[in-house]
Structures are given as C-alpha cells and as structure tokens.
Amino acid sequence: MTEPDVDFDGILERYRRDGFVVLPALIPDQLLQEIRRALPALLAEDGPQRFFEQDGSTVRAVYGLHRKDAPWRTVSEETLLPRAARTLLGGDMYVYQWKINPKAANTGDRWEWHRDFTFWQREDGMPAPDALTAAVFLDEVTEENGPLQLIPGSHAVATRYETAEEQRADSASRADDNWSAIVSANLSHSIPPAVAEELAEEHGVHRATGPAGTVVLFSSNIVHGSSPNRSGQPRTLALISYNTVGNAPAEWANPRPEFFLNHDATALDVRS
C-alpha cells in the first residue's frame, strides 16, 4: 500500500509554532478497520485499566494497550505514527502510554482543560515535557460529538509546577486504588477555568474535526480538552503517547501501575 506523502519538515515547523499538527490518515485503512472490529471486545474487558463515566456503565477510558499485541502494537510501532512522532520529538523515544477514549453517543462526558505533562510530572515524575500524543480518530469527529479542542501556542506559555518534593508528597498521599480523579470528568490536575478562558481569548481554540483516520499530534504541554458528546454518534479516539528515552521518569517509591504507563523505556526501532 502506498504511504501518504507527508512533509515531515513542514509538520515540525507547525508543531513548534502551534504545539500540534493535524494530518490526514497515517494508518492504512485495512488496519484501521481491524482496530474498529477489535474495539467492542476491548471495551468489554474487565479490569483496573477500564474506567467509566459517572453513570457507572459507559466506558470512558481504557488504558494499557502498550501491553497488547496486534492490532494495537502494530498501529503504535509499525506505521508512520512513530516516524512522525520521532521527527517532532527529535530523538529516540518509546510508547509511554496507550489508551482509548470512547466518548459514547449522548452520554460521553467532557474532558476538562488540562496539560498532559502536569499529570505525567506530578503522578509519574516525568522530568520535562519532551513527549507528545498521537490522537487517531476511530470515528468521524464533528462539532457536535465532542471534538478534541486545543489552544494553539499554549504549549509555550509558562506555568508554575510544584517542586519535586511537593510532587512526591502529593503522589505518596493518594490511595493506591483511587485512580478515578485522574480520569473522571472532574480531573485532579485541570487548568482553572479562568486561566483557560484567558488563554483561549488570547490564542483562540482549534476544534479538531475530520473523518475517521485523521491524526492529531500534540505536545504534552499544550492546553486541551473536549466538551460532552450530545450527538447520536460516538467519538472514539486512540491516544498513543510517545516519550523521549532520556525523559523517562526515575523510579519512584509509589509508581503508577504498568497499565497506566509503560515502565520499559527501550527505544522503538523507527524506520526512516
């Protein structure tokens, strides 16, 4: 199958400026359909990696796909995705986190404004925001079904983060099995609404819409979120996060479980 023609130099310039870049399908259609067929079984799989909306029955997120084989490993390691990610990160990297966010029709709730790096720094001890996420649309995404919203340029806006000692104290104080606050509609490390509104007024908001297969690569430091799905159509995103090898978190006394993040920082063999 002929690969899409991607101007990697061009996407790097846009990524540095905006903190994200939207690309056409980087996943072969046959693989995309294979993932869609495998999705119901994945969402039905019981375990601590699965989280629900406030109704207790609608799946909100499923983590830990870096531990699974094809088609999940194929899409994250053997397509143009890792090549594009390595171009933007500028060095060796690995799959840090791999999850599905299935925003169900009519019931899928919001994701508050946040930065991924805030979570990864405070919960895992990631040293710097040298990571990004590739969001692959598994459904058509419209203005009505809760699209990913990003504030262009917010990745470059300075924000105060806690010291390492404060982060460790915060992490050590949580209950080992109380993970809902970092996945629920009321995120534990969200951006205050007033701050997000100020950023949005200054920089604008990009609503990422498009057909299934569309890819959005965005910085771990960009402010983003999404509104509830009030339509009759689902909005499922595959979210594969890549981290540079040198930016892997140091060992902590209380690390998050392996289903949340990959504890193996071995570099991917990315084809040129």
C-alpha atoms as a PDB file:
ATOM      1  CA  MET A   1       0.000   0.000   0.000  1.00  0.00           C
ATOM      2  CA  THR A   2       1.290   3.448  -0.924  1.00  0.00           C
ATOM      3  CA  GLU A   3       2.041   5.566   2.118  1.00  0.00           C
ATOM      4  CA  PRO A   4       0.659   9.114   2.327  1.00  0.00           C
ATOM      5  CA  ASP A   5       3.014  11.867   1.251  1.00  0.00           C
ATOM      6  CA  VAL A   6       3.939  13.687   4.476  1.00  0.00           C
ATOM      7  CA  ASP A   7       6.153  16.764   4.565  1.00  0.00           C
ATOM      8  CA  PHE A   8       7.967  15.952   7.811  1.00  0.00           C
ATOM      9  CA  ASP A   9       9.938  19.211   7.773  1.00  0.00           C
ATOM     10  CA  GLY A  10       6.700  21.120   7.333  1.00  0.00           C
ATOM     11  CA  ILE A  11       4.933  19.442  10.232  1.00  0.00           C
ATOM     12  CA  LEU A  12       7.893  20.178  12.512  1.00  0.00           C
ATOM     13  CA  GLU A  13       7.612  23.904  11.806  1.00  0.00           C
ATOM     14  CA  ARG A  14       3.862  23.896  12.504  1.00  0.00           C
ATOM     15  CA  TYR A  15       4.276  21.764  15.621  1.00  0.00           C
ATOM     16  CA  ARG A  16       6.860  24.115  17.100  1.00  0.00           C
ATOM     17  CA  ARG A  17       4.636  27.106  16.414  1.00  0.00           C
ATOM     18  CA  ASP A  18       1.227  25.769  17.449  1.00  0.00           C
ATOM     19  CA  GLY A  19       2.047  22.836  19.716  1.00  0.00           C
ATOM     20  CA  PHE A  20       0.084  20.459  17.499  1.00  0.00           C
ATOM     21  CA  VAL A  21      -0.360  19.388  13.881  1.00  0.00           C
ATOM     22  CA  VAL A  22      -3.322  17.772  12.120  1.00  0.00           C
ATOM     23  CA  LEU A  23      -2.554  15.178   9.452  1.00  0.00           C
ATOM     24  CA  PRO A  24      -4.604  13.002   7.107  1.00  0.00           C
ATOM     25  CA  ALA A  25      -4.744   9.277   7.743  1.00  0.00           C
ATOM     26  CA  LEU A  26      -1.323   7.811   8.595  1.00  0.00           C
ATOM     27  CA  ILE A  27      -2.892   4.415   9.304  1.00  0.00           C
ATOM     28  CA  PRO A  28      -3.666   2.010   6.433  1.00  0.00           C
ATOM     29  CA  ASP A  29      -7.431   1.618   6.056  1.00  0.00           C
ATOM     30  CA  GLN A  30      -7.231  -2.160   6.496  1.00  0.00           C
ATOM     31  CA  LEU A  31      -5.513  -1.712   9.881  1.00  0.00           C
ATOM     32  CA  LEU A  32      -7.991   0.994  10.907  1.00  0.00           C
ATOM     33  CA  GLN A  33     -10.889  -1.365  10.187  1.00  0.00           C
ATOM     34  CA  GLU A  34      -9.166  -4.152  12.133  1.00  0.00           C
ATOM     35  CA  ILE A  35      -8.898  -1.851  15.149  1.00  0.00           C
ATOM     36  CA  ARG A  36     -12.563  -0.874  14.886  1.00  0.00           C
ATOM     37  CA  ARG A  37     -13.578  -4.558  14.801  1.00  0.00           C
ATOM     38  CA  ALA A  38     -11.438  -5.301  17.882  1.00  0.00           C
ATOM     39  CA  LEU A  39     -12.812  -2.335  19.833  1.00  0.00           C
ATOM     40  CA  PRO A  40     -16.004  -3.886  21.332  1.00  0.00           C
ATOM     41  CA  ALA A  41     -14.061  -6.749  22.921  1.00  0.00           C
ATOM     42  CA  LEU A  42     -11.511  -4.310  24.316  1.00  0.00           C
ATOM     43  CA  LEU A  43     -14.195  -2.113  25.886  1.00  0.00           C
ATOM     44  CA  ALA A  44     -15.883  -5.169  27.401  1.00  0.00           C
ATOM     45  CA  GLU A  45     -12.681  -6.446  29.038  1.00  0.00           C
ATOM     46  CA  ASP A  46     -12.974  -6.140  32.821  1.00  0.00           C
ATOM     47  CA  GLY A  47     -10.070  -4.923  34.950  1.00  0.00           C
ATOM     48  CA  PRO A  48      -8.461  -1.893  36.629  1.00  0.00           C
ATOM     49  CA  GLN A  49      -7.448  -0.491  33.232  1.00  0.00           C
ATOM     50  CA  ARG A  50     -11.098   0.308  32.408  1.00  0.00           C
ATOM     51  CA  PHE A  51     -12.813   3.449  33.676  1.00  0.00           C
ATOM     52  CA  PHE A  52     -16.444   4.529  33.460  1.00  0.00           C
ATOM     53  CA  GLU A  53     -18.436   7.709  33.158  1.00  0.00           C
ATOM     54  CA  GLN A  54     -20.384   8.911  36.177  1.00  0.00           C
ATOM     55  CA  ASP A  55     -23.279   6.604  35.235  1.00  0.00           C
ATOM     56  CA  GLY A  56     -21.064   3.649  36.153  1.00  0.00           C
ATOM     57  CA  SER A  57     -21.747   1.747  32.932  1.00  0.00           C
ATOM     58  CA  THR A  58     -20.499   3.820  29.981  1.00  0.00           C
ATOM     59  CA  VAL A  59     -16.811   3.217  29.297  1.00  0.00           C
ATOM     60  CA  ARG A  60     -14.826   6.466  29.499  1.00  0.00           C
ATOM     61  CA  ALA A  61     -11.255   5.216  29.015  1.00  0.00           C
ATOM     62  CA  VAL A  62      -9.250   2.029  28.608  1.00  0.00           C
ATOM     63  CA  TYR A  63      -5.509   2.087  29.352  1.00  0.00           C
ATOM     64  CA  GLY A  64      -2.644  -0.351  28.921  1.00  0.00           C
ATOM     65  CA  LEU A  65      -2.740  -1.080  25.199  1.00  0.00           C
ATOM     66  CA  HIS A  66       1.078  -0.933  25.087  1.00  0.00           C
ATOM     67  CA  ARG A  67       0.912  -4.391  26.699  1.00  0.00           C
ATOM     68  CA  LYS A  68      -1.199  -5.859  23.885  1.00  0.00           C
ATOM     69  CA  ASP A  69      -0.219  -7.368  20.551  1.00  0.00           C
ATOM     70  CA  ALA A  70      -1.671  -6.712  17.090  1.00  0.00           C
ATOM     71  CA  PRO A  71      -3.506  -4.680  16.039  1.00  0.00           C
ATOM     72  CA  TRP A  72      -2.698  -2.344  18.948  1.00  0.00           C
ATOM     73  CA  ARG A  73       1.071  -2.800  18.831  1.00  0.00           C
ATOM     74  CA  THR A  74       1.040  -2.600  15.051  1.00  0.00           C
ATOM     75  CA  VAL A  75      -0.550   0.838  14.932  1.00  0.00           C
ATOM     76  CA  SER A  76       1.746   2.304  17.590  1.00  0.00           C
ATOM     77  CA  GLU A  77       5.036   0.821  16.358  1.00  0.00           C
ATOM     78  CA  GLU A  78       4.791  -0.207  12.687  1.00  0.00           C
ATOM     79  CA  THR A  79       3.034   2.647  10.900  1.00  0.00           C
ATOM     80  CA  LEU A  80       4.012   6.220  10.026  1.00  0.00           C
ATOM     81  CA  LEU A  81       2.893   7.340  13.501  1.00  0.00           C
ATOM     82  CA  PRO A  82       6.197   6.643  15.296  1.00  0.00           C
ATOM     83  CA  ARG A  83       8.153   8.165  12.411  1.00  0.00           C
ATOM     84  CA  ALA A  84       6.122  11.375  12.650  1.00  0.00           C
ATOM     85  CA  ALA A  85       6.442  11.393  16.443  1.00  0.00           C
ATOM     86  CA  ARG A  86      10.217  10.911  16.319  1.00  0.00           C
ATOM     87  CA  THR A  87      10.515  13.770  13.819  1.00  0.00           C
ATOM     88  CA  LEU A  88       8.706  16.099  16.223  1.00  0.00           C
ATOM     89  CA  LEU A  89      10.473  14.898  19.382  1.00  0.00           C
ATOM     90  CA  GLY A  90      13.900  14.912  17.749  1.00  0.00           C
ATOM     91  CA  GLY A  91      15.322  11.735  19.242  1.00  0.00           C
ATOM     92  CA  ASP A  92      14.858   8.150  20.364  1.00  0.00           C
ATOM     93  CA  MET A  93      11.506   7.518  22.010  1.00  0.00           C
ATOM     94  CA  TYR A  94       9.184   4.817  23.289  1.00  0.00           C
ATOM     95  CA  VAL A  95       5.462   4.321  23.824  1.00  0.00           C
ATOM     96  CA  TYR A  96       4.794   5.925  27.199  1.00  0.00           C
ATOM     97  CA  GLN A  97       1.025   5.489  27.389  1.00  0.00           C
ATOM     98  CA  TRP A  98      -1.565   3.887  25.079  1.00  0.00           C
ATOM     99  CA  LYS A  99      -5.273   4.288  25.707  1.00  0.00           C
ATOM    100  CA  ILE A 100      -8.692   4.501  24.077  1.00  0.00           C
ATOM    101  CA  ASN A 101     -11.156   7.276  24.906  1.00  0.00           C
ATOM    102  CA  PRO A 102     -14.583   6.189  23.597  1.00  0.00           C
ATOM    103  CA  LYS A 103     -16.847   9.208  24.001  1.00  0.00           C
ATOM    104  CA  ALA A 104     -20.193   7.442  23.697  1.00  0.00           C
ATOM    105  CA  ALA A 105     -23.131   8.933  21.811  1.00  0.00           C
ATOM    106  CA  ASN A 106     -25.310  11.144  24.038  1.00  0.00           C
ATOM    107  CA  THR A 107     -23.539  10.117  27.278  1.00  0.00           C
ATOM    108  CA  GLY A 108     -19.803  10.700  26.754  1.00  0.00           C
ATOM    109  CA  ASP A 109     -18.761  13.432  29.183  1.00  0.00           C
ATOM    110  CA  ARG A 110     -16.294  16.311  28.910  1.00  0.00           C
ATOM    111  CA  TRP A 111     -12.554  16.316  29.476  1.00  0.00           C
ATOM    112  CA  GLU A 112     -11.626  19.489  31.359  1.00  0.00           C
ATOM    113  CA  TRP A 113      -8.881  21.808  30.118  1.00  0.00           C
ATOM    114  CA  HIS A 114      -5.545  20.330  31.114  1.00  0.00           C
ATOM    115  CA  ARG A 115      -1.967  19.644  30.129  1.00  0.00           C
ATOM    116  CA  ASP A 116      -0.840  16.031  29.926  1.00  0.00           C
ATOM    117  CA  PHE A 117       2.580  16.954  31.250  1.00  0.00           C
ATOM    118  CA  THR A 118       1.049  18.158  34.529  1.00  0.00           C
ATOM    119  CA  PHE A 119      -0.306  14.649  35.141  1.00  0.00           C
ATOM    120  CA  TRP A 120       2.851  12.910  33.991  1.00  0.00           C
ATOM    121  CA  GLN A 121       5.077  15.164  36.061  1.00  0.00           C
ATOM    122  CA  ARG A 122       3.008  15.028  39.251  1.00  0.00           C
ATOM    123  CA  GLU A 123       1.923  11.398  39.074  1.00  0.00           C
ATOM    124  CA  ASP A 124       4.987   9.794  37.464  1.00  0.00           C
ATOM    125  CA  GLY A 125       7.896  12.188  37.878  1.00  0.00           C
ATOM    126  CA  MET A 126       8.437  12.912  34.194  1.00  0.00           C
ATOM    127  CA  PRO A 127      11.298  15.467  34.169  1.00  0.00           C
ATOM    128  CA  ALA A 128      10.323  17.630  31.169  1.00  0.00           C
ATOM    129  CA  PRO A 129       7.526  17.959  28.587  1.00  0.00           C
ATOM    130  CA  ASP A 130       9.575  16.138  25.940  1.00  0.00           C
ATOM    131  CA  ALA A 131       6.640  13.931  24.996  1.00  0.00           C
ATOM    132  CA  LEU A 132       3.636  14.070  22.688  1.00  0.00           C
ATOM    133  CA  THR A 133       0.418  12.240  21.922  1.00  0.00           C
ATOM    134  CA  ALA A 134      -0.895  10.966  18.606  1.00  0.00           C
ATOM    135  CA  ALA A 135      -4.701  11.059  18.566  1.00  0.00           C
ATOM    136  CA  VAL A 136      -6.151   8.804  15.865  1.00  0.00           C
ATOM    137  CA  PHE A 137      -9.840   9.325  15.024  1.00  0.00           C
ATOM    138  CA  LEU A 138     -11.565   5.932  15.037  1.00  0.00           C
ATOM    139  CA  ASP A 139     -14.896   7.626  14.207  1.00  0.00           C
ATOM    140  CA  GLU A 140     -15.773  10.710  12.233  1.00  0.00           C
ATOM    141  CA  VAL A 141     -15.336  13.674  14.580  1.00  0.00           C
ATOM    142  CA  THR A 142     -17.733  16.597  14.222  1.00  0.00           C
ATOM    143  CA  GLU A 143     -18.500  19.824  16.062  1.00  0.00           C
ATOM    144  CA  GLU A 144     -21.401  18.037  17.780  1.00  0.00           C
ATOM    145  CA  ASN A 145     -19.830  14.862  19.175  1.00  0.00           C
ATOM    146  CA  GLY A 146     -17.238  16.383  21.495  1.00  0.00           C
ATOM    147  CA  PRO A 147     -14.127  17.059  19.386  1.00  0.00           C
ATOM    148  CA  LEU A 148     -10.656  17.447  20.825  1.00  0.00           C
ATOM    149  CA  GLN A 149     -10.072  21.174  21.461  1.00  0.00           C
ATOM    150  CA  LEU A 150      -6.577  22.662  21.589  1.00  0.00           C
ATOM    151  CA  ILE A 151      -5.348  26.169  22.394  1.00  0.00           C
ATOM    152  CA  PRO A 152      -2.646  26.959  19.793  1.00  0.00           C
ATOM    153  CA  GLY A 153       0.630  28.189  21.253  1.00  0.00           C
ATOM    154  CA  SER A 154      -0.322  27.367  24.855  1.00  0.00           C
ATOM    155  CA  HIS A 155       2.494  24.800  24.978  1.00  0.00           C
ATOM    156  CA  ALA A 156       4.921  27.739  25.129  1.00  0.00           C
ATOM    157  CA  VAL A 157       3.114  29.635  27.892  1.00  0.00           C
ATOM    158  CA  ALA A 158       4.953  29.356  31.198  1.00  0.00           C
ATOM    159  CA  THR A 159       3.124  27.657  34.073  1.00  0.00           C
ATOM    160  CA  ARG A 160       4.371  27.100  37.598  1.00  0.00           C
ATOM    161  CA  TYR A 161       4.738  23.463  38.592  1.00  0.00           C
ATOM    162  CA  GLU A 162       5.368  22.104  42.050  1.00  0.00           C
ATOM    163  CA  THR A 163       8.841  21.222  43.217  1.00  0.00           C
ATOM    164  CA  ALA A 164       9.911  17.595  43.066  1.00  0.00           C
ATOM    165  CA  GLU A 165       9.445  17.276  46.828  1.00  0.00           C
ATOM    166  CA  GLU A 166       5.845  18.554  46.620  1.00  0.00           C
ATOM    167  CA  GLN A 167       5.113  16.198  43.740  1.00  0.00           C
ATOM    168  CA  ARG A 168       6.410  13.196  45.675  1.00  0.00           C
ATOM    169  CA  ALA A 169       4.397  14.160  48.746  1.00  0.00           C
ATOM    170  CA  ASP A 170       1.256  14.520  46.629  1.00  0.00           C
ATOM    171  CA  SER A 171       1.829  11.167  44.949  1.00  0.00           C
ATOM    172  CA  ALA A 172       2.601   9.360  48.201  1.00  0.00           C
ATOM    173  CA  SER A 173      -0.583  10.660  49.844  1.00  0.00           C
ATOM    174  CA  ARG A 174      -3.011   9.153  47.351  1.00  0.00           C
ATOM    175  CA  ALA A 175      -4.708   5.810  47.807  1.00  0.00           C
ATOM    176  CA  ASP A 176      -3.185   3.134  45.588  1.00  0.00           C
ATOM    177  CA  ASP A 177      -6.560   2.163  44.126  1.00  0.00           C
ATOM    178  CA  ASN A 178      -8.065   5.662  43.839  1.00  0.00           C
ATOM    179  CA  TRP A 179      -7.314   6.452  40.203  1.00  0.00           C
ATOM    180  CA  SER A 180     -10.697   7.875  39.213  1.00  0.00           C
ATOM    181  CA  ALA A 181      -9.720  11.506  39.937  1.00  0.00           C
ATOM    182  CA  ILE A 182      -7.147  11.468  37.168  1.00  0.00           C
ATOM    183  CA  VAL A 183      -9.571  10.015  34.621  1.00  0.00           C
ATOM    184  CA  SER A 184     -13.007  11.375  35.611  1.00  0.00           C
ATOM    185  CA  ALA A 185     -14.864  14.391  34.224  1.00  0.00           C
ATOM    186  CA  ASN A 186     -13.528  16.324  37.239  1.00  0.00           C
ATOM    187  CA  LEU A 187      -9.812  15.998  36.658  1.00  0.00           C
ATOM    188  CA  SER A 188      -7.463  16.328  39.597  1.00  0.00           C
ATOM    189  CA  HIS A 189      -4.907  18.412  37.670  1.00  0.00           C
ATOM    190  CA  SER A 190      -7.152  20.505  35.448  1.00  0.00           C
ATOM    191  CA  ILE A 191      -6.437  24.070  34.332  1.00  0.00           C
ATOM    192  CA  PRO A 192      -8.570  26.607  36.283  1.00  0.00           C
ATOM    193  CA  PRO A 193     -11.427  27.811  34.043  1.00  0.00           C
ATOM    194  CA  ALA A 194     -10.369  31.457  34.334  1.00  0.00           C
ATOM    195  CA  VAL A 195      -6.850  30.616  33.145  1.00  0.00           C
ATOM    196  CA  ALA A 196      -8.154  28.516  30.241  1.00  0.00           C
ATOM    197  CA  GLU A 197     -10.574  31.276  29.222  1.00  0.00           C
ATOM    198  CA  GLU A 198      -7.785  33.836  29.231  1.00  0.00           C
ATOM    199  CA  LEU A 199      -5.573  31.588  27.103  1.00  0.00           C
ATOM    200  CA  ALA A 200      -8.430  30.858  24.701  1.00  0.00           C
ATOM    201  CA  GLU A 201      -9.222  34.546  24.329  1.00  0.00           C
ATOM    202  CA  GLU A 202      -5.583  35.322  23.551  1.00  0.00           C
ATOM    203  CA  HIS A 203      -4.729  32.344  21.327  1.00  0.00           C
ATOM    204  CA  GLY A 204      -8.065  31.048  20.062  1.00  0.00           C
ATOM    205  CA  VAL A 205      -9.296  27.451  20.110  1.00  0.00           C
ATOM    206  CA  HIS A 206      -8.829  24.808  17.432  1.00  0.00           C
ATOM    207  CA  ARG A 207     -11.549  22.133  17.287  1.00  0.00           C
ATOM    208  CA  ALA A 208     -10.071  19.070  15.640  1.00  0.00           C
ATOM    209  CA  THR A 209     -12.682  17.528  13.366  1.00  0.00           C
ATOM    210  CA  GLY A 210     -12.417  15.208  10.403  1.00  0.00           C
ATOM    211  CA  PRO A 211     -13.078  11.730   9.034  1.00  0.00           C
ATOM    212  CA  ALA A 212     -12.033   8.501  10.723  1.00  0.00           C
ATOM    213  CA  GLY A 213      -8.290   8.009  10.320  1.00  0.00           C
ATOM    214  CA  THR A 214      -7.392  11.668  10.850  1.00  0.00           C
ATOM    215  CA  VAL A 215      -4.384  12.110  13.162  1.00  0.00           C
ATOM    216  CA  VAL A 216      -3.599  14.949  15.565  1.00  0.00           C
ATOM    217  CA  LEU A 217      -0.115  15.037  17.099  1.00  0.00           C
ATOM    218  CA  PHE A 218       0.034  17.368  20.091  1.00  0.00           C
ATOM    219  CA  SER A 219       2.601  18.403  22.676  1.00  0.00           C
ATOM    220  CA  SER A 220       2.360  17.136  26.244  1.00  0.00           C
ATOM    221  CA  ASN A 221       2.419  20.785  27.318  1.00  0.00           C
ATOM    222  CA  ILE A 222      -0.460  22.106  25.207  1.00  0.00           C
ATOM    223  CA  VAL A 223      -3.711  23.034  26.944  1.00  0.00           C
ATOM    224  CA  HIS A 224      -6.525  20.882  25.587  1.00  0.00           C
ATOM    225  CA  GLY A 225      -9.880  19.360  26.485  1.00  0.00           C
ATOM    226  CA  SER A 226     -13.233  18.437  24.972  1.00  0.00           C
ATOM    227  CA  SER A 227     -16.940  19.031  25.514  1.00  0.00           C
ATOM    228  CA  PRO A 228     -19.570  16.336  26.173  1.00  0.00           C
ATOM    229  CA  ASN A 229     -20.951  14.298  23.301  1.00  0.00           C
ATOM    230  CA  ARG A 230     -24.517  15.472  22.832  1.00  0.00           C
ATOM    231  CA  SER A 231     -24.950  13.828  19.428  1.00  0.00           C
ATOM    232  CA  GLY A 232     -26.170  10.401  18.403  1.00  0.00           C
ATOM    233  CA  GLN A 233     -22.750   9.456  17.028  1.00  0.00           C
ATOM    234  CA  PRO A 234     -19.766   8.112  19.041  1.00  0.00           C
ATOM    235  CA  ARG A 235     -16.409   9.890  19.064  1.00  0.00           C
ATOM    236  CA  THR A 236     -13.693   7.345  19.740  1.00  0.00           C
ATOM    237  CA  LEU A 237     -10.045   8.374  19.909  1.00  0.00           C
ATOM    238  CA  ALA A 238      -6.980   6.143  20.024  1.00  0.00           C
ATOM    239  CA  LEU A 239      -4.381   8.054  22.060  1.00  0.00           C
ATOM    240  CA  ILE A 240      -0.768   6.906  21.792  1.00  0.00           C
ATOM    241  CA  SER A 241       1.741   8.922  23.804  1.00  0.00           C
ATOM    242  CA  TYR A 242       5.454   8.846  22.971  1.00  0.00           C
ATOM    243  CA  ASN A 243       8.207   9.986  25.335  1.00  0.00           C
ATOM    244  CA  THR A 244      11.883  10.540  24.616  1.00  0.00           C
ATOM    245  CA  VAL A 245      14.077   7.866  26.158  1.00  0.00           C
ATOM    246  CA  GLY A 246      16.152  10.395  28.120  1.00  0.00           C
ATOM    247  CA  ASN A 247      12.961  11.821  29.635  1.00  0.00           C
ATOM    248  CA  ALA A 248      11.764   8.595  31.221  1.00  0.00           C
ATOM    249  CA  PRO A 249      10.646   9.029  34.849  1.00  0.00           C
ATOM    250  CA  ALA A 250      13.096   7.908  37.514  1.00  0.00           C
ATOM    251  CA  GLU A 251      11.996   5.078  39.766  1.00  0.00           C
ATOM    252  CA  TRP A 252       9.599   6.183  42.479  1.00  0.00           C
ATOM    253  CA  ALA A 253       8.593   4.520  45.714  1.00  0.00           C
ATOM    254  CA  ASN A 254       4.952   4.675  44.588  1.00  0.00           C
ATOM    255  CA  PRO A 255       4.800   4.428  40.786  1.00  0.00           C
ATOM    256  CA  ARG A 256       1.526   4.184  38.909  1.00  0.00           C
ATOM    257  CA  PRO A 257       0.696   0.655  37.741  1.00  0.00           C
ATOM    258  CA  GLU A 258       2.041  -0.632  34.441  1.00  0.00           C
ATOM    259  CA  PHE A 259      -1.391  -0.411  32.849  1.00  0.00           C
ATOM    260  CA  PHE A 260      -1.196   3.384  33.189  1.00  0.00           C
ATOM    261  CA  LEU A 261       2.255   3.820  31.706  1.00  0.00           C
ATOM    262  CA  ASN A 262       4.978   1.749  30.120  1.00  0.00           C
ATOM    263  CA  HIS A 263       7.758   1.025  32.633  1.00  0.00           C
ATOM    264  CA  ASP A 264      10.072  -0.132  29.819  1.00  0.00           C
ATOM    265  CA  ALA A 265      11.772   2.857  28.148  1.00  0.00           C
ATOM    266  CA  THR A 266      13.549   0.866  25.450  1.00  0.00           C
ATOM    267  CA  ALA A 267      13.683   2.934  22.253  1.00  0.00           C
ATOM    268  CA  LEU A 268      11.473   1.955  19.337  1.00  0.00           C
ATOM    269  CA  ASP A 269      13.212   0.910  16.134  1.00  0.00           C
ATOM    270  CA  VAL A 270      11.673   3.603  13.940  1.00  0.00           C
ATOM    271  CA  ARG A 271      12.119   3.126  10.230  1.00  0.00           C
ATOM    272  CA  SER A 272      13.212   6.137   8.224  1.00  0.00           C
END
